Structures are given as C-alpha cells and as structure tokens.
Amino acid sequence: MAKMNTNEVSKAKPKSQEGWRETIKTVIYAVLIALVIRTVAYEPFNIPSGSMLPTLLIGDYVFVAKYPYGFSKHSMPLSPPLFSGRINESPVKRGDIAGFKLPADNST
C-alpha cells in the first residue's frame, strides 16, 4: 500500500474545500436567478376554484407571464413603494387569462 506524505494530504484538502465553495456559489446563483425570473417574468399559480371550468380544472398549475400588462409595486415581493401606477402598461385582450394573488386581508 502506498503512503501519502504530508504534502499530498495538504494539497488534497483545499480541492475539497474549493469544491464546496463552488457548490455553494452555484446554489446561490441558481436561487438568485430563480427569484429574478419569478419576480420579473413568470410565476406559477394554482387554480383554486372551478370558475374557469371546463378550460382550466381545479388544482391545475399555470405559469403566468408578468410582463404583458406591465409592472406595479405589487408585482414585486413585499410591495416596495418605488413608484405609483404601472410601467409598460398594455390593455387586456379578449381571451387572456389574468392571474392575481388573493389578498390576505381585504384592504387591497
């Protein structure tokens, strides 16, 4: 059996630490990209009721594009008061399905 001297052991250790750092960086980048996409472009929603039957069934999941009707402060997490109204607003067209979040309280 071959013995490893202390130089070989010390060289092997940083590679495993570097591997963990790369994995953590990759996970952080993936989470940040997912948050940006979910905040700006698309968000998944669940159909909670039968109001869209027979086109959409109860429990169906749909991806809602956020950009066609513009952005408001409510399009972002925690609703920061950065601006009022909508940016890049466009009218709703016939046949469009509008997705919205049910407000937790009745003040919205």
PDB file of N, CA and C in Angstrom:
ATOM      1  N   MET A   1       0.829  -1.163   0.000  1.00  0.00           N
ATOM      2  CA  MET A   1       0.000   0.000   0.000  1.00  0.00           C
ATOM      3  C   MET A   1       0.888   1.246   0.000  1.00  0.00           C
ATOM      4  N   ALA A   2       0.535   2.218  -0.827  1.00  0.00           N
ATOM      5  CA  ALA A   2       1.350   3.425  -0.935  1.00  0.00           C
ATOM      6  C   ALA A   2       0.978   4.399   0.172  1.00  0.00           C
ATOM      7  N   LYS A   3       1.985   5.020   0.730  1.00  0.00           N
ATOM      8  CA  LYS A   3       1.756   6.003   1.781  1.00  0.00           C
ATOM      9  C   LYS A   3       1.721   7.399   1.169  1.00  0.00           C
ATOM     10  N   MET A   4       0.862   8.241   1.706  1.00  0.00           N
ATOM     11  CA  MET A   4       0.811   9.634   1.269  1.00  0.00           C
ATOM     12  C   MET A   4       1.642  10.457   2.242  1.00  0.00           C
ATOM     13  N   ASN A   5       2.501  11.277   1.698  1.00  0.00           N
ATOM     14  CA  ASN A   5       3.251  12.149   2.600  1.00  0.00           C
ATOM     15  C   ASN A   5       2.404  13.373   2.944  1.00  0.00           C
ATOM     16  N   THR A   6       2.868  14.181   3.851  1.00  0.00           N
ATOM     17  CA  THR A   6       2.076  15.319   4.333  1.00  0.00           C
ATOM     18  C   THR A   6       1.818  16.356   3.253  1.00  0.00           C
ATOM     19  N   ASN A   7       2.700  16.480   2.283  1.00  0.00           N
ATOM     20  CA  ASN A   7       2.488  17.440   1.195  1.00  0.00           C
ATOM     21  C   ASN A   7       1.284  17.042   0.347  1.00  0.00           C
ATOM     22  N   GLU A   8       1.124  15.744   0.072  1.00  0.00           N
ATOM     23  CA  GLU A   8      -0.006  15.278  -0.733  1.00  0.00           C
ATOM     24  C   GLU A   8      -1.324  15.477   0.006  1.00  0.00           C
ATOM     25  N   VAL A   9      -1.331  15.252   1.312  1.00  0.00           N
ATOM     26  CA  VAL A   9      -2.543  15.432   2.105  1.00  0.00           C
ATOM     27  C   VAL A   9      -2.945  16.904   2.126  1.00  0.00           C
ATOM     28  N   SER A  10      -1.989  17.805   2.318  1.00  0.00           N
ATOM     29  CA  SER A  10      -2.318  19.228   2.368  1.00  0.00           C
ATOM     30  C   SER A  10      -2.776  19.742   1.011  1.00  0.00           C
ATOM     31  N   LYS A  11      -2.300  19.155  -0.083  1.00  0.00           N
ATOM     32  CA  LYS A  11      -2.751  19.564  -1.413  1.00  0.00           C
ATOM     33  C   LYS A  11      -4.172  19.079  -1.687  1.00  0.00           C
ATOM     34  N   ALA A  12      -4.539  17.918  -1.177  1.00  0.00           N
ATOM     35  CA  ALA A  12      -5.866  17.359  -1.431  1.00  0.00           C
ATOM     36  C   ALA A  12      -6.949  18.114  -0.660  1.00  0.00           C
ATOM     37  N   LYS A  13      -6.640  18.620   0.497  1.00  0.00           N
ATOM     38  CA  LYS A  13      -7.633  19.287   1.331  1.00  0.00           C
ATOM     39  C   LYS A  13      -8.215  20.551   0.690  1.00  0.00           C
ATOM     40  N   PRO A  14      -7.419  21.467   0.151  1.00  0.00           N
ATOM     41  CA  PRO A  14      -8.010  22.667  -0.454  1.00  0.00           C
ATOM     42  C   PRO A  14      -8.911  22.360  -1.646  1.00  0.00           C
ATOM     43  N   LYS A  15      -8.644  21.289  -2.382  1.00  0.00           N
ATOM     44  CA  LYS A  15      -9.501  20.959  -3.520  1.00  0.00           C
ATOM     45  C   LYS A  15     -10.912  20.629  -3.054  1.00  0.00           C
ATOM     46  N   SER A  16     -11.041  19.897  -1.951  1.00  0.00           N
ATOM     47  CA  SER A  16     -12.382  19.573  -1.464  1.00  0.00           C
ATOM     48  C   SER A  16     -13.076  20.824  -0.924  1.00  0.00           C
ATOM     49  N   GLN A  17     -12.324  21.707  -0.274  1.00  0.00           N
ATOM     50  CA  GLN A  17     -12.908  22.961   0.204  1.00  0.00           C
ATOM     51  C   GLN A  17     -13.313  23.837  -0.974  1.00  0.00           C
ATOM     52  N   GLU A  18     -12.500  23.838  -2.016  1.00  0.00           N
ATOM     53  CA  GLU A  18     -12.834  24.611  -3.209  1.00  0.00           C
ATOM     54  C   GLU A  18     -14.091  24.046  -3.869  1.00  0.00           C
ATOM     55  N   GLY A  19     -14.244  22.737  -3.836  1.00  0.00           N
ATOM     56  CA  GLY A  19     -15.443  22.109  -4.397  1.00  0.00           C
ATOM     57  C   GLY A  19     -16.702  22.534  -3.660  1.00  0.00           C
ATOM     58  N   TRP A  20     -16.627  22.602  -2.327  1.00  0.00           N
ATOM     59  CA  TRP A  20     -17.775  23.052  -1.540  1.00  0.00           C
ATOM     60  C   TRP A  20     -18.110  24.508  -1.827  1.00  0.00           C
ATOM     61  N   ARG A  21     -17.071  25.330  -1.957  1.00  0.00           N
ATOM     62  CA  ARG A  21     -17.303  26.745  -2.269  1.00  0.00           C
ATOM     63  C   ARG A  21     -17.994  26.898  -3.617  1.00  0.00           C
ATOM     64  N   GLU A  22     -17.531  26.139  -4.601  1.00  0.00           N
ATOM     65  CA  GLU A  22     -18.146  26.205  -5.930  1.00  0.00           C
ATOM     66  C   GLU A  22     -19.599  25.737  -5.882  1.00  0.00           C
ATOM     67  N   THR A  23     -19.872  24.698  -5.116  1.00  0.00           N
ATOM     68  CA  THR A  23     -21.244  24.201  -4.986  1.00  0.00           C
ATOM     69  C   THR A  23     -22.135  25.250  -4.332  1.00  0.00           C
ATOM     70  N   ILE A  24     -21.653  25.873  -3.274  1.00  0.00           N
ATOM     71  CA  ILE A  24     -22.438  26.902  -2.584  1.00  0.00           C
ATOM     72  C   ILE A  24     -22.667  28.099  -3.498  1.00  0.00           C
ATOM     73  N   LYS A  25     -21.630  28.524  -4.234  1.00  0.00           N
ATOM     74  CA  LYS A  25     -21.797  29.636  -5.173  1.00  0.00           C
ATOM     75  C   LYS A  25     -22.821  29.294  -6.248  1.00  0.00           C
ATOM     76  N   THR A  26     -22.778  28.070  -6.751  1.00  0.00           N
ATOM     77  CA  THR A  26     -23.725  27.652  -7.785  1.00  0.00           C
ATOM     78  C   THR A  26     -25.151  27.668  -7.257  1.00  0.00           C
ATOM     79  N   VAL A  27     -25.359  27.184  -6.043  1.00  0.00           N
ATOM     80  CA  VAL A  27     -26.698  27.180  -5.444  1.00  0.00           C
ATOM     81  C   VAL A  27     -27.186  28.613  -5.229  1.00  0.00           C
ATOM     82  N   ILE A  28     -26.322  29.489  -4.755  1.00  0.00           N
ATOM     83  CA  ILE A  28     -26.714  30.890  -4.543  1.00  0.00           C
ATOM     84  C   ILE A  28     -27.084  31.549  -5.864  1.00  0.00           C
ATOM     85  N   TYR A  29     -26.285  31.329  -6.906  1.00  0.00           N
ATOM     86  CA  TYR A  29     -26.602  31.890  -8.227  1.00  0.00           C
ATOM     87  C   TYR A  29     -27.933  31.354  -8.746  1.00  0.00           C
ATOM     88  N   ALA A  30     -28.175  30.054  -8.570  1.00  0.00           N
ATOM     89  CA  ALA A  30     -29.431  29.461  -9.044  1.00  0.00           C
ATOM     90  C   ALA A  30     -30.630  30.068  -8.324  1.00  0.00           C
ATOM     91  N   VAL A  31     -30.521  30.260  -7.023  1.00  0.00           N
ATOM     92  CA  VAL A  31     -31.619  30.856  -6.252  1.00  0.00           C
ATOM     93  C   VAL A  31     -31.855  32.301  -6.686  1.00  0.00           C
ATOM     94  N   LEU A  32     -30.787  33.065  -6.881  1.00  0.00           N
ATOM     95  CA  LEU A  32     -30.940  34.456  -7.318  1.00  0.00           C
ATOM     96  C   LEU A  32     -31.578  34.548  -8.699  1.00  0.00           C
ATOM     97  N   ILE A  33     -31.155  33.694  -9.620  1.00  0.00           N
ATOM     98  CA  ILE A  33     -31.743  33.692 -10.963  1.00  0.00           C
ATOM     99  C   ILE A  33     -33.214  33.312 -10.893  1.00  0.00           C
ATOM    100  N   ALA A  34     -33.550  32.301 -10.084  1.00  0.00           N
ATOM    101  CA  ALA A  34     -34.950  31.891  -9.944  1.00  0.00           C
ATOM    102  C   ALA A  34     -35.797  33.017  -9.355  1.00  0.00           C
ATOM    103  N   LEU A  35     -35.279  33.731  -8.370  1.00  0.00           N
ATOM    104  CA  LEU A  35     -36.026  34.846  -7.775  1.00  0.00           C
ATOM    105  C   LEU A  35     -36.250  35.973  -8.775  1.00  0.00           C
ATOM    106  N   VAL A  36     -35.235  36.277  -9.573  1.00  0.00           N
ATOM    107  CA  VAL A  36     -35.387  37.334 -10.576  1.00  0.00           C
ATOM    108  C   VAL A  36     -36.421  36.928 -11.616  1.00  0.00           C
ATOM    109  N   ILE A  37     -36.341  35.695 -12.104  1.00  0.00           N
ATOM    110  CA  ILE A  37     -37.312  35.225 -13.105  1.00  0.00           C
ATOM    111  C   ILE A  37     -38.715  35.234 -12.524  1.00  0.00           C
ATOM    112  N   ARG A  38     -38.851  34.759 -11.299  1.00  0.00           N
ATOM    113  CA  ARG A  38     -40.176  34.710 -10.667  1.00  0.00           C
ATOM    114  C   ARG A  38     -40.720  36.110 -10.385  1.00  0.00           C
ATOM    115  N   THR A  39     -39.860  37.055 -10.061  1.00  0.00           N
ATOM    116  CA  THR A  39     -40.296  38.416  -9.764  1.00  0.00           C
ATOM    117  C   THR A  39     -40.635  39.198 -11.020  1.00  0.00           C
ATOM    118  N   VAL A  40     -39.869  39.026 -12.088  1.00  0.00           N
ATOM    119  CA  VAL A  40     -39.997  39.869 -13.267  1.00  0.00           C
ATOM    120  C   VAL A  40     -40.738  39.202 -14.424  1.00  0.00           C
ATOM    121  N   ALA A  41     -40.550  37.920 -14.647  1.00  0.00           N
ATOM    122  CA  ALA A  41     -41.042  37.305 -15.879  1.00  0.00           C
ATOM    123  C   ALA A  41     -42.236  36.367 -15.677  1.00  0.00           C
ATOM    124  N   TYR A  42     -42.067  35.293 -14.953  1.00  0.00           N
ATOM    125  CA  TYR A  42     -43.100  34.262 -14.837  1.00  0.00           C
ATOM    126  C   TYR A  42     -43.259  33.821 -13.391  1.00  0.00           C
ATOM    127  N   GLU A  43     -44.485  33.416 -13.045  1.00  0.00           N
ATOM    128  CA  GLU A  43     -44.737  32.879 -11.710  1.00  0.00           C
ATOM    129  C   GLU A  43     -45.773  31.765 -11.816  1.00  0.00           C
ATOM    130  N   PRO A  44     -45.550  30.642 -11.122  1.00  0.00           N
ATOM    131  CA  PRO A  44     -46.538  29.565 -11.152  1.00  0.00           C
ATOM    132  C   PRO A  44     -47.708  29.870 -10.215  1.00  0.00           C
ATOM    133  N   PHE A  45     -48.904  29.511 -10.660  1.00  0.00           N
ATOM    134  CA  PHE A  45     -50.111  29.664  -9.848  1.00  0.00           C
ATOM    135  C   PHE A  45     -50.914  28.373  -9.899  1.00  0.00           C
ATOM    136  N   ASN A  46     -51.680  28.146  -8.855  1.00  0.00           N
ATOM    137  CA  ASN A  46     -52.572  27.006  -8.755  1.00  0.00           C
ATOM    138  C   ASN A  46     -53.999  27.514  -8.961  1.00  0.00           C
ATOM    139  N   ILE A  47     -54.811  26.780  -9.730  1.00  0.00           N
ATOM    140  CA  ILE A  47     -56.211  27.152  -9.939  1.00  0.00           C
ATOM    141  C   ILE A  47     -57.002  26.652  -8.723  1.00  0.00           C
ATOM    142  N   PRO A  48     -57.501  27.561  -7.847  1.00  0.00           N
ATOM    143  CA  PRO A  48     -58.128  27.132  -6.603  1.00  0.00           C
ATOM    144  C   PRO A  48     -59.617  26.818  -6.692  1.00  0.00           C
ATOM    145  N   SER A  49     -60.292  27.286  -7.755  1.00  0.00           N
ATOM    146  CA  SER A  49     -61.744  27.099  -7.800  1.00  0.00           C
ATOM    147  C   SER A  49     -62.169  26.679  -9.198  1.00  0.00           C
ATOM    148  N   GLY A  50     -63.445  26.380  -9.344  1.00  0.00           N
ATOM    149  CA  GLY A  50     -63.982  25.934 -10.620  1.00  0.00           C
ATOM    150  C   GLY A  50     -64.467  27.050 -11.517  1.00  0.00           C
ATOM    151  N   SER A  51     -64.054  28.278 -11.283  1.00  0.00           N
ATOM    152  CA  SER A  51     -64.555  29.396 -12.081  1.00  0.00           C
ATOM    153  C   SER A  51     -64.077  29.354 -13.529  1.00  0.00           C
ATOM    154  N   MET A  52     -63.039  28.607 -13.830  1.00  0.00           N
ATOM    155  CA  MET A  52     -62.518  28.530 -15.195  1.00  0.00           C
ATOM    156  C   MET A  52     -62.879  27.213 -15.885  1.00  0.00           C
ATOM    157  N   LEU A  53     -63.744  26.402 -15.267  1.00  0.00           N
ATOM    158  CA  LEU A  53     -64.169  25.138 -15.881  1.00  0.00           C
ATOM    159  C   LEU A  53     -64.886  25.413 -17.191  1.00  0.00           C
ATOM    160  N   PRO A  54     -64.793  24.657 -18.205  1.00  0.00           N
ATOM    161  CA  PRO A  54     -64.032  23.425 -18.389  1.00  0.00           C
ATOM    162  C   PRO A  54     -62.628  23.661 -18.933  1.00  0.00           C
ATOM    163  N   THR A  55     -62.238  24.906 -19.145  1.00  0.00           N
ATOM    164  CA  THR A  55     -60.922  25.180 -19.722  1.00  0.00           C
ATOM    165  C   THR A  55     -59.796  24.822 -18.762  1.00  0.00           C
ATOM    166  N   LEU A  56     -59.868  25.307 -17.545  1.00  0.00           N
ATOM    167  CA  LEU A  56     -58.873  25.004 -16.523  1.00  0.00           C
ATOM    168  C   LEU A  56     -59.565  24.287 -15.373  1.00  0.00           C
ATOM    169  N   LEU A  57     -58.970  23.191 -14.943  1.00  0.00           N
ATOM    170  CA  LEU A  57     -59.564  22.380 -13.885  1.00  0.00           C
ATOM    171  C   LEU A  57     -59.054  22.813 -12.514  1.00  0.00           C
ATOM    172  N   ILE A  58     -59.824  22.495 -11.486  1.00  0.00           N
ATOM    173  CA  ILE A  58     -59.417  22.792 -10.115  1.00  0.00           C
ATOM    174  C   ILE A  58     -58.125  22.034  -9.828  1.00  0.00           C
ATOM    175  N   GLY A  59     -57.134  22.737  -9.300  1.00  0.00           N
ATOM    176  CA  GLY A  59     -55.855  22.116  -8.976  1.00  0.00           C
ATOM    177  C   GLY A  59     -54.818  22.206 -10.081  1.00  0.00           C
ATOM    178  N   ASP A  60     -55.200  22.671 -11.273  1.00  0.00           N
ATOM    179  CA  ASP A  60     -54.228  22.843 -12.357  1.00  0.00           C
ATOM    180  C   ASP A  60     -53.201  23.899 -11.969  1.00  0.00           C
ATOM    181  N   TYR A  61     -52.007  23.745 -12.495  1.00  0.00           N
ATOM    182  CA  TYR A  61     -50.959  24.745 -12.316  1.00  0.00           C
ATOM    183  C   TYR A  61     -50.715  25.435 -13.645  1.00  0.00           C
ATOM    184  N   VAL A  62     -50.569  26.747 -13.612  1.00  0.00           N
ATOM    185  CA  VAL A  62     -50.276  27.527 -14.814  1.00  0.00           C
ATOM    186  C   VAL A  62     -49.112  28.470 -14.507  1.00  0.00           C
ATOM    187  N   PHE A  63     -48.341  28.774 -15.541  1.00  0.00           N
ATOM    188  CA  PHE A  63     -47.299  29.788 -15.421  1.00  0.00           C
ATOM    189  C   PHE A  63     -47.848  31.076 -15.991  1.00  0.00           C
ATOM    190  N   VAL A  64     -47.843  32.115 -15.191  1.00  0.00           N
ATOM    191  CA  VAL A  64     -48.391  33.404 -15.588  1.00  0.00           C
ATOM    192  C   VAL A  64     -47.233  34.319 -15.969  1.00  0.00           C
ATOM    193  N   ALA A  65     -47.314  34.884 -17.177  1.00  0.00           N
ATOM    194  CA  ALA A  65     -46.324  35.870 -17.606  1.00  0.00           C
ATOM    195  C   ALA A  65     -46.663  37.199 -16.950  1.00  0.00           C
ATOM    196  N   LYS A  66     -45.698  37.811 -16.317  1.00  0.00           N
ATOM    197  CA  LYS A  66     -45.946  39.049 -15.576  1.00  0.00           C
ATOM    198  C   LYS A  66     -45.752  40.304 -16.419  1.00  0.00           C
ATOM    199  N   TYR A  67     -45.008  40.222 -17.488  1.00  0.00           N
ATOM    200  CA  TYR A  67     -44.643  41.423 -18.236  1.00  0.00           C
ATOM    201  C   TYR A  67     -45.664  41.924 -19.245  1.00  0.00           C
ATOM    202  N   PRO A  68     -46.624  41.132 -19.767  1.00  0.00           N
ATOM    203  CA  PRO A  68     -47.514  41.680 -20.799  1.00  0.00           C
ATOM    204  C   PRO A  68     -48.367  42.862 -20.351  1.00  0.00           C
ATOM    205  N   TYR A  69     -48.725  42.948 -19.095  1.00  0.00           N
ATOM    206  CA  TYR A  69     -49.597  44.028 -18.626  1.00  0.00           C
ATOM    207  C   TYR A  69     -48.849  45.067 -17.810  1.00  0.00           C
ATOM    208  N   GLY A  70     -47.535  45.006 -17.808  1.00  0.00           N
ATOM    209  CA  GLY A  70     -46.739  45.985 -17.092  1.00  0.00           C
ATOM    210  C   GLY A  70     -46.463  45.573 -15.655  1.00  0.00           C
ATOM    211  N   PHE A  71     -45.735  46.417 -14.970  1.00  0.00           N
ATOM    212  CA  PHE A  71     -45.330  46.143 -13.597  1.00  0.00           C
ATOM    213  C   PHE A  71     -45.857  47.230 -12.670  1.00  0.00           C
ATOM    214  N   SER A  72     -46.258  46.808 -11.493  1.00  0.00           N
ATOM    215  CA  SER A  72     -46.651  47.756 -10.452  1.00  0.00           C
ATOM    216  C   SER A  72     -45.853  47.419  -9.201  1.00  0.00           C
ATOM    217  N   LYS A  73     -46.033  48.215  -8.162  1.00  0.00           N
ATOM    218  CA  LYS A  73     -45.309  47.911  -6.925  1.00  0.00           C
ATOM    219  C   LYS A  73     -45.748  46.565  -6.358  1.00  0.00           C
ATOM    220  N   HIS A  74     -46.946  46.112  -6.716  1.00  0.00           N
ATOM    221  CA  HIS A  74     -47.437  44.826  -6.219  1.00  0.00           C
ATOM    222  C   HIS A  74     -46.883  43.653  -7.019  1.00  0.00           C
ATOM    223  N   SER A  75     -46.153  43.916  -8.092  1.00  0.00           N
ATOM    224  CA  SER A  75     -45.527  42.854  -8.872  1.00  0.00           C
ATOM    225  C   SER A  75     -44.277  42.326  -8.188  1.00  0.00           C
ATOM    226  N   MET A  76     -43.776  43.036  -7.216  1.00  0.00           N
ATOM    227  CA  MET A  76     -42.528  42.679  -6.553  1.00  0.00           C
ATOM    228  C   MET A  76     -42.806  42.172  -5.147  1.00  0.00           C
ATOM    229  N   PRO A  77     -41.884  41.365  -4.621  1.00  0.00           N
ATOM    230  CA  PRO A  77     -42.066  40.893  -3.248  1.00  0.00           C
ATOM    231  C   PRO A  77     -42.103  42.057  -2.260  1.00  0.00           C
ATOM    232  N   LEU A  78     -42.940  41.958  -1.283  1.00  0.00           N
ATOM    233  CA  LEU A  78     -43.106  42.927  -0.196  1.00  0.00           C
ATOM    234  C   LEU A  78     -43.667  44.270  -0.653  1.00  0.00           C
ATOM    235  N   SER A  79     -44.032  44.417  -1.906  1.00  0.00           N
ATOM    236  CA  SER A  79     -44.661  45.622  -2.461  1.00  0.00           C
ATOM    237  C   SER A  79     -43.958  46.917  -2.058  1.00  0.00           C
ATOM    238  N   PRO A  80     -42.685  47.094  -2.444  1.00  0.00           N
ATOM    239  CA  PRO A  80     -41.994  48.336  -2.073  1.00  0.00           C
ATOM    240  C   PRO A  80     -42.584  49.535  -2.812  1.00  0.00           C
ATOM    241  N   PRO A  81     -42.730  50.673  -2.154  1.00  0.00           N
ATOM    242  CA  PRO A  81     -43.326  51.856  -2.796  1.00  0.00           C
ATOM    243  C   PRO A  81     -42.316  52.607  -3.668  1.00  0.00           C
ATOM    244  N   LEU A  82     -41.802  51.942  -4.710  1.00  0.00           N
ATOM    245  CA  LEU A  82     -40.804  52.563  -5.580  1.00  0.00           C
ATOM    246  C   LEU A  82     -41.429  53.536  -6.572  1.00  0.00           C
ATOM    247  N   PHE A  83     -42.660  53.244  -6.995  1.00  0.00           N
ATOM    248  CA  PHE A  83     -43.337  54.086  -7.978  1.00  0.00           C
ATOM    249  C   PHE A  83     -44.828  53.849  -7.853  1.00  0.00           C
ATOM    250  N   SER A  84     -45.629  54.728  -8.451  1.00  0.00           N
ATOM    251  CA  SER A  84     -47.080  54.545  -8.410  1.00  0.00           C
ATOM    252  C   SER A  84     -47.566  54.190  -9.810  1.00  0.00           C
ATOM    253  N   GLY A  85     -48.685  53.507  -9.884  1.00  0.00           N
ATOM    254  CA  GLY A  85     -49.235  53.109 -11.177  1.00  0.00           C
ATOM    255  C   GLY A  85     -48.505  51.917 -11.768  1.00  0.00           C
ATOM    256  N   ARG A  86     -48.577  51.801 -13.100  1.00  0.00           N
ATOM    257  CA  ARG A  86     -47.952  50.697 -13.813  1.00  0.00           C
ATOM    258  C   ARG A  86     -46.909  51.214 -14.790  1.00  0.00           C
ATOM    259  N   ILE A  87     -45.877  50.410 -15.007  1.00  0.00           N
ATOM    260  CA  ILE A  87     -44.846  50.700 -16.004  1.00  0.00           C
ATOM    261  C   ILE A  87     -45.051  49.727 -17.162  1.00  0.00           C
ATOM    262  N   ASN A  88     -44.978  50.210 -18.398  1.00  0.00           N
ATOM    263  CA  ASN A  88     -45.184  49.398 -19.616  1.00  0.00           C
ATOM    264  C   ASN A  88     -46.573  48.774 -19.645  1.00  0.00           C
ATOM    265  N   GLU A  89     -47.559  49.521 -19.271  1.00  0.00           N
ATOM    266  CA  GLU A  89     -48.933  49.018 -19.211  1.00  0.00           C
ATOM    267  C   GLU A  89     -49.475  48.765 -20.618  1.00  0.00           C
ATOM    268  N   SER A  90     -50.225  47.673 -20.775  1.00  0.00           N
ATOM    269  CA  SER A  90     -50.937  47.396 -22.024  1.00  0.00           C
ATOM    270  C   SER A  90     -52.316  46.849 -21.664  1.00  0.00           C
ATOM    271  N   PRO A  91     -53.312  47.038 -22.539  1.00  0.00           N
ATOM    272  CA  PRO A  91     -54.672  46.604 -22.198  1.00  0.00           C
ATOM    273  C   PRO A  91     -54.830  45.081 -22.262  1.00  0.00           C
ATOM    274  N   VAL A  92     -55.788  44.592 -21.494  1.00  0.00           N
ATOM    275  CA  VAL A  92     -56.127  43.169 -21.512  1.00  0.00           C
ATOM    276  C   VAL A  92     -56.872  42.874 -22.805  1.00  0.00           C
ATOM    277  N   LYS A  93     -56.518  41.744 -23.447  1.00  0.00           N
ATOM    278  CA  LYS A  93     -57.165  41.364 -24.704  1.00  0.00           C
ATOM    279  C   LYS A  93     -58.168  40.243 -24.457  1.00  0.00           C
ATOM    280  N   ARG A  94     -59.136  40.135 -25.321  1.00  0.00           N
ATOM    281  CA  ARG A  94     -60.140  39.081 -25.224  1.00  0.00           C
ATOM    282  C   ARG A  94     -59.455  37.717 -25.268  1.00  0.00           C
ATOM    283  N   GLY A  95     -59.856  36.843 -24.366  1.00  0.00           N
ATOM    284  CA  GLY A  95     -59.292  35.502 -24.301  1.00  0.00           C
ATOM    285  C   GLY A  95     -58.105  35.371 -23.362  1.00  0.00           C
ATOM    286  N   ASP A  96     -57.590  36.481 -22.865  1.00  0.00           N
ATOM    287  CA  ASP A  96     -56.480  36.429 -21.913  1.00  0.00           C
ATOM    288  C   ASP A  96     -56.966  35.887 -20.574  1.00  0.00           C
ATOM    289  N   ILE A  97     -56.100  35.171 -19.913  1.00  0.00           N
ATOM    290  CA  ILE A  97     -56.383  34.690 -18.563  1.00  0.00           C
ATOM    291  C   ILE A  97     -55.545  35.530 -17.617  1.00  0.00           C
ATOM    292  N   ALA A  98     -56.198  36.232 -16.723  1.00  0.00           N
ATOM    293  CA  ALA A  98     -55.489  37.100 -15.780  1.00  0.00           C
ATOM    294  C   ALA A  98     -55.278  36.354 -14.470  1.00  0.00           C
ATOM    295  N   GLY A  99     -54.039  36.305 -14.027  1.00  0.00           N
ATOM    296  CA  GLY A  99     -53.715  35.694 -12.743  1.00  0.00           C
ATOM    297  C   GLY A  99     -53.491  36.773 -11.710  1.00  0.00           C
ATOM    298  N   PHE A 100     -53.935  36.539 -10.504  1.00  0.00           N
ATOM    299  CA  PHE A 100     -53.743  37.520  -9.438  1.00  0.00           C
ATOM    300  C   PHE A 100     -53.611  36.794  -8.121  1.00  0.00           C
ATOM    301  N   LYS A 101     -53.032  37.473  -7.171  1.00  0.00           N
ATOM    302  CA  LYS A 101     -52.901  36.923  -5.828  1.00  0.00           C
ATOM    303  C   LYS A 101     -54.100  37.363  -5.010  1.00  0.00           C
ATOM    304  N   LEU A 102     -54.707  36.440  -4.304  1.00  0.00           N
ATOM    305  CA  LEU A 102     -55.802  36.764  -3.409  1.00  0.00           C
ATOM    306  C   LEU A 102     -55.221  37.489  -2.201  1.00  0.00           C
ATOM    307  N   PRO A 103     -55.665  38.689  -1.941  1.00  0.00           N
ATOM    308  CA  PRO A 103     -55.102  39.420  -0.800  1.00  0.00           C
ATOM    309  C   PRO A 103     -55.415  38.718   0.515  1.00  0.00           C
ATOM    310  N   ALA A 104     -54.443  38.680   1.388  1.00  0.00           N
ATOM    311  CA  ALA A 104     -54.631  38.051   2.693  1.00  0.00           C
ATOM    312  C   ALA A 104     -55.624  38.848   3.534  1.00  0.00           C
ATOM    313  N   ASP A 105     -55.599  40.154   3.375  1.00  0.00           N
ATOM    314  CA  ASP A 105     -56.586  40.979   4.057  1.00  0.00           C
ATOM    315  C   ASP A 105     -57.435  41.672   2.992  1.00  0.00           C
ATOM    316  N   ASN A 106     -58.529  42.236   3.371  1.00  0.00           N
ATOM    317  CA  ASN A 106     -59.451  42.835   2.402  1.00  0.00           C
ATOM    318  C   ASN A 106     -59.141  44.298   2.106  1.00  0.00           C
ATOM    319  N   SER A 107     -57.962  44.774   2.459  1.00  0.00           N
ATOM    320  CA  SER A 107     -57.634  46.179   2.240  1.00  0.00           C
ATOM    321  C   SER A 107     -57.085  46.457   0.843  1.00  0.00           C
ATOM    322  N   THR A 108     -56.758  45.430   0.073  1.00  0.00           N
ATOM    323  CA  THR A 108     -56.193  45.640  -1.265  1.00  0.00           C
ATOM    324  C   THR A 108     -57.275  45.645  -2.312  1.00  0.00           C
TER     325      THR A 108
END
